Amino acid sequence: QVQVVESGGGSVQVGGSLRLSCTASGLTSDDYVMGWFRQSPGKEREEIACISWSSVSTYYSESLRGRFTISRDNAKNTLYLEMNNLKPEDSAMYYCAAQRYSGDVDRKICRVWIFAYWGQGTQVTVSS
């Protein structure tokens, strides 16, 4: 059974930083893409960034590129999201997801409907 668990959310002031972590277990294949997504109340879930198994290929939402950095440590089965210069509009539930896939990551892959395995989310609140 695949399990995806996020951690690291919390409350932070404007301009602050947070690092989210996500562990994935139960995946039977080594080749899987992972991604971070977020959802605010009343809005659709949106992609933040995705990363290939090898970490060579990444995709970022253009609006978040430069402030957010995705990385992974396959030895620990852990995905990370470093978030800097946080803004109130970054407040949302942040989700980690995994999907078996061995190719490069691009805007066609980094989409909500591509991913089969999801965590329960971790809340990030940015206040002024």
C-alpha atoms as a PDB file:
ATOM      1  CA  GLN A   1       0.000   0.000   0.000  1.00  0.00           C
ATOM      2  CA  VAL A   2       1.389   3.366  -1.024  1.00  0.00           C
ATOM      3  CA  GLN A   3       1.579   6.018   1.650  1.00  0.00           C
ATOM      4  CA  VAL A   4       2.573   9.636   1.177  1.00  0.00           C
ATOM      5  CA  VAL A   5       3.021  11.805   4.257  1.00  0.00           C
ATOM      6  CA  GLU A   6       3.821  15.506   4.353  1.00  0.00           C
ATOM      7  CA  SER A   7       5.310  17.451   7.249  1.00  0.00           C
ATOM      8  CA  GLY A   8       6.855  20.815   8.017  1.00  0.00           C
ATOM      9  CA  GLY A   9       3.910  23.129   7.603  1.00  0.00           C
ATOM     10  CA  GLY A  10       3.095  25.849  10.074  1.00  0.00           C
ATOM     11  CA  SER A  11       2.684  29.566  10.587  1.00  0.00           C
ATOM     12  CA  VAL A  12       5.276  32.045   9.404  1.00  0.00           C
ATOM     13  CA  GLN A  13       5.480  35.776   8.947  1.00  0.00           C
ATOM     14  CA  VAL A  14       5.692  37.512   5.616  1.00  0.00           C
ATOM     15  CA  GLY A  15       9.173  37.191   4.181  1.00  0.00           C
ATOM     16  CA  GLY A  16       9.932  34.087   6.181  1.00  0.00           C
ATOM     17  CA  SER A  17      10.916  30.619   5.034  1.00  0.00           C
ATOM     18  CA  LEU A  18       9.692  27.068   5.513  1.00  0.00           C
ATOM     19  CA  ARG A  19      10.864  23.675   4.364  1.00  0.00           C
ATOM     20  CA  LEU A  20       8.293  21.002   3.731  1.00  0.00           C
ATOM     21  CA  SER A  21       9.146  17.310   3.687  1.00  0.00           C
ATOM     22  CA  CYS A  22       7.342  14.329   2.228  1.00  0.00           C
ATOM     23  CA  THR A  23       8.050  10.653   2.626  1.00  0.00           C
ATOM     24  CA  ALA A  24       6.686   8.040   0.267  1.00  0.00           C
ATOM     25  CA  SER A  25       6.516   4.355   1.073  1.00  0.00           C
ATOM     26  CA  GLY A  26       5.092   1.274  -0.559  1.00  0.00           C
ATOM     27  CA  LEU A  27       6.015   2.237  -4.095  1.00  0.00           C
ATOM     28  CA  THR A  28       7.035  -0.924  -5.908  1.00  0.00           C
ATOM     29  CA  SER A  29       9.014   0.826  -8.600  1.00  0.00           C
ATOM     30  CA  ASP A  30      12.063   3.013  -8.225  1.00  0.00           C
ATOM     31  CA  ASP A  31      11.045   5.201 -11.147  1.00  0.00           C
ATOM     32  CA  TYR A  32       8.497   7.666  -9.982  1.00  0.00           C
ATOM     33  CA  VAL A  33       7.993  11.368 -10.324  1.00  0.00           C
ATOM     34  CA  MET A  34       7.067  13.428  -7.290  1.00  0.00           C
ATOM     35  CA  GLY A  35       5.507  16.812  -6.971  1.00  0.00           C
ATOM     36  CA  TRP A  36       4.206  19.530  -4.709  1.00  0.00           C
ATOM     37  CA  PHE A  37       0.796  21.077  -5.112  1.00  0.00           C
ATOM     38  CA  ARG A  38      -1.300  23.477  -3.066  1.00  0.00           C
ATOM     39  CA  GLN A  39      -4.909  24.419  -2.599  1.00  0.00           C
ATOM     40  CA  SER A  40      -6.484  27.481  -1.021  1.00  0.00           C
ATOM     41  CA  PRO A  41     -10.115  27.598   0.135  1.00  0.00           C
ATOM     42  CA  GLY A  42     -12.425  28.076  -2.824  1.00  0.00           C
ATOM     43  CA  LYS A  43      -9.682  27.482  -5.374  1.00  0.00           C
ATOM     44  CA  GLU A  44      -8.599  24.533  -7.442  1.00  0.00           C
ATOM     45  CA  ARG A  45      -5.520  22.561  -6.512  1.00  0.00           C
ATOM     46  CA  GLU A  46      -2.540  23.927  -8.419  1.00  0.00           C
ATOM     47  CA  GLU A  47       0.899  22.643  -9.227  1.00  0.00           C
ATOM     48  CA  ILE A  48       3.972  24.127  -7.587  1.00  0.00           C
ATOM     49  CA  ALA A  49       6.835  21.960  -8.812  1.00  0.00           C
ATOM     50  CA  CYS A  50       7.686  18.419  -9.856  1.00  0.00           C
ATOM     51  CA  ILE A  51      10.920  16.464 -10.002  1.00  0.00           C
ATOM     52  CA  SER A  52      11.988  13.333 -11.822  1.00  0.00           C
ATOM     53  CA  TRP A  53      13.413  10.247 -10.139  1.00  0.00           C
ATOM     54  CA  SER A  54      16.982  11.241 -11.023  1.00  0.00           C
ATOM     55  CA  SER A  55      16.428  14.874 -10.000  1.00  0.00           C
ATOM     56  CA  VAL A  56      17.872  15.914 -13.363  1.00  0.00           C
ATOM     57  CA  SER A  57      14.506  17.091 -14.614  1.00  0.00           C
ATOM     58  CA  THR A  58      12.355  19.605 -12.754  1.00  0.00           C
ATOM     59  CA  TYR A  59       9.364  21.757 -13.557  1.00  0.00           C
ATOM     60  CA  TYR A  60       8.197  24.848 -11.701  1.00  0.00           C
ATOM     61  CA  SER A  61       5.099  26.941 -11.902  1.00  0.00           C
ATOM     62  CA  GLU A  62       6.320  30.149 -13.473  1.00  0.00           C
ATOM     63  CA  SER A  63       4.726  32.274 -10.772  1.00  0.00           C
ATOM     64  CA  LEU A  64       6.679  30.460  -8.047  1.00  0.00           C
ATOM     65  CA  ARG A  65       9.998  29.863  -9.749  1.00  0.00           C
ATOM     66  CA  GLY A  66      12.790  31.574  -7.868  1.00  0.00           C
ATOM     67  CA  ARG A  67      11.157  31.496  -4.443  1.00  0.00           C
ATOM     68  CA  PHE A  68      10.417  27.772  -4.189  1.00  0.00           C
ATOM     69  CA  THR A  69      12.918  24.942  -4.684  1.00  0.00           C
ATOM     70  CA  ILE A  70      12.071  21.265  -5.020  1.00  0.00           C
ATOM     71  CA  SER A  71      14.563  18.507  -4.250  1.00  0.00           C
ATOM     72  CA  ARG A  72      14.564  14.848  -3.299  1.00  0.00           C
ATOM     73  CA  ASP A  73      16.716  12.321  -1.473  1.00  0.00           C
ATOM     74  CA  ASN A  74      15.936   8.906  -2.898  1.00  0.00           C
ATOM     75  CA  ALA A  75      17.999   7.112  -0.268  1.00  0.00           C
ATOM     76  CA  LYS A  76      15.552   8.477   2.304  1.00  0.00           C
ATOM     77  CA  ASN A  77      12.484   8.312   0.042  1.00  0.00           C
ATOM     78  CA  THR A  78      11.979  11.952   0.887  1.00  0.00           C
ATOM     79  CA  LEU A  79      10.881  14.953  -1.131  1.00  0.00           C
ATOM     80  CA  TYR A  80      11.495  18.530  -0.036  1.00  0.00           C
ATOM     81  CA  LEU A  81      10.121  21.964  -0.837  1.00  0.00           C
ATOM     82  CA  GLU A  82      12.134  24.953   0.279  1.00  0.00           C
ATOM     83  CA  MET A  83       9.974  28.077   0.351  1.00  0.00           C
ATOM     84  CA  ASN A  84      11.506  31.520   0.745  1.00  0.00           C
ATOM     85  CA  ASN A  85      10.197  35.081   0.905  1.00  0.00           C
ATOM     86  CA  LEU A  86       6.742  33.805   1.732  1.00  0.00           C
ATOM     87  CA  LYS A  87       3.713  35.965   1.023  1.00  0.00           C
ATOM     88  CA  PRO A  88       0.171  35.914   2.432  1.00  0.00           C
ATOM     89  CA  GLU A  89      -1.071  34.493  -0.880  1.00  0.00           C
ATOM     90  CA  ASP A  90       1.131  31.448  -0.292  1.00  0.00           C
ATOM     91  CA  SER A  91      -1.166  30.409   2.551  1.00  0.00           C
ATOM     92  CA  ALA A  92      -2.721  27.094   1.554  1.00  0.00           C
ATOM     93  CA  MET A  93      -2.822  23.377   2.170  1.00  0.00           C
ATOM     94  CA  TYR A  94       0.278  21.905   0.601  1.00  0.00           C
ATOM     95  CA  TYR A  95       0.154  18.415  -0.869  1.00  0.00           C
ATOM     96  CA  CYS A  96       2.815  15.968  -1.932  1.00  0.00           C
ATOM     97  CA  ALA A  97       2.096  13.460  -4.678  1.00  0.00           C
ATOM     98  CA  ALA A  98       3.818  10.559  -6.407  1.00  0.00           C
ATOM     99  CA  GLN A  99       3.291   8.760  -9.676  1.00  0.00           C
ATOM    100  CA  ARG A 100       5.145   5.949 -11.406  1.00  0.00           C
ATOM    101  CA  TYR A 101       6.890   7.582 -14.351  1.00  0.00           C
ATOM    102  CA  SER A 102      10.445   7.395 -15.641  1.00  0.00           C
ATOM    103  CA  GLY A 103      10.584  10.233 -18.157  1.00  0.00           C
ATOM    104  CA  ASP A 104      11.438  13.898 -17.985  1.00  0.00           C
ATOM    105  CA  VAL A 105       9.190  16.293 -16.146  1.00  0.00           C
ATOM    106  CA  ASP A 106       7.477  19.130 -17.947  1.00  0.00           C
ATOM    107  CA  ARG A 107       4.246  21.106 -17.759  1.00  0.00           C
ATOM    108  CA  LYS A 108       2.295  18.175 -19.213  1.00  0.00           C
ATOM    109  CA  ILE A 109       3.435  15.825 -16.455  1.00  0.00           C
ATOM    110  CA  CYS A 110       3.255  18.213 -13.522  1.00  0.00           C
ATOM    111  CA  ARG A 111      -0.530  18.224 -13.373  1.00  0.00           C
ATOM    112  CA  VAL A 112      -2.940  17.203 -10.636  1.00  0.00           C
ATOM    113  CA  TRP A 113      -4.648  14.552 -12.760  1.00  0.00           C
ATOM    114  CA  ILE A 114      -1.390  12.790 -13.590  1.00  0.00           C
ATOM    115  CA  PHE A 115      -0.658  11.787 -10.000  1.00  0.00           C
ATOM    116  CA  ALA A 116      -2.267   8.757  -8.359  1.00  0.00           C
ATOM    117  CA  TYR A 117      -0.803   8.880  -4.855  1.00  0.00           C
ATOM    118  CA  TRP A 118      -1.458  11.805  -2.545  1.00  0.00           C
ATOM    119  CA  GLY A 119      -0.740  12.779   1.016  1.00  0.00           C
ATOM    120  CA  GLN A 120      -3.203  14.351   3.410  1.00  0.00           C
ATOM    121  CA  GLY A 121      -1.579  17.752   3.183  1.00  0.00           C
ATOM    122  CA  THR A 122       0.182  20.132   5.535  1.00  0.00           C
ATOM    123  CA  GLN A 123      -1.101  23.642   6.231  1.00  0.00           C
ATOM    124  CA  VAL A 124       1.029  26.707   5.589  1.00  0.00           C
ATOM    125  CA  THR A 125      -0.157  30.054   6.908  1.00  0.00           C
ATOM    126  CA  VAL A 126       1.672  33.276   6.136  1.00  0.00           C
ATOM    127  CA  SER A 127       0.695  36.300   8.170  1.00  0.00           C
ATOM    128  CA  SER A 128       1.731  39.929   8.070  1.00  0.00           C
END
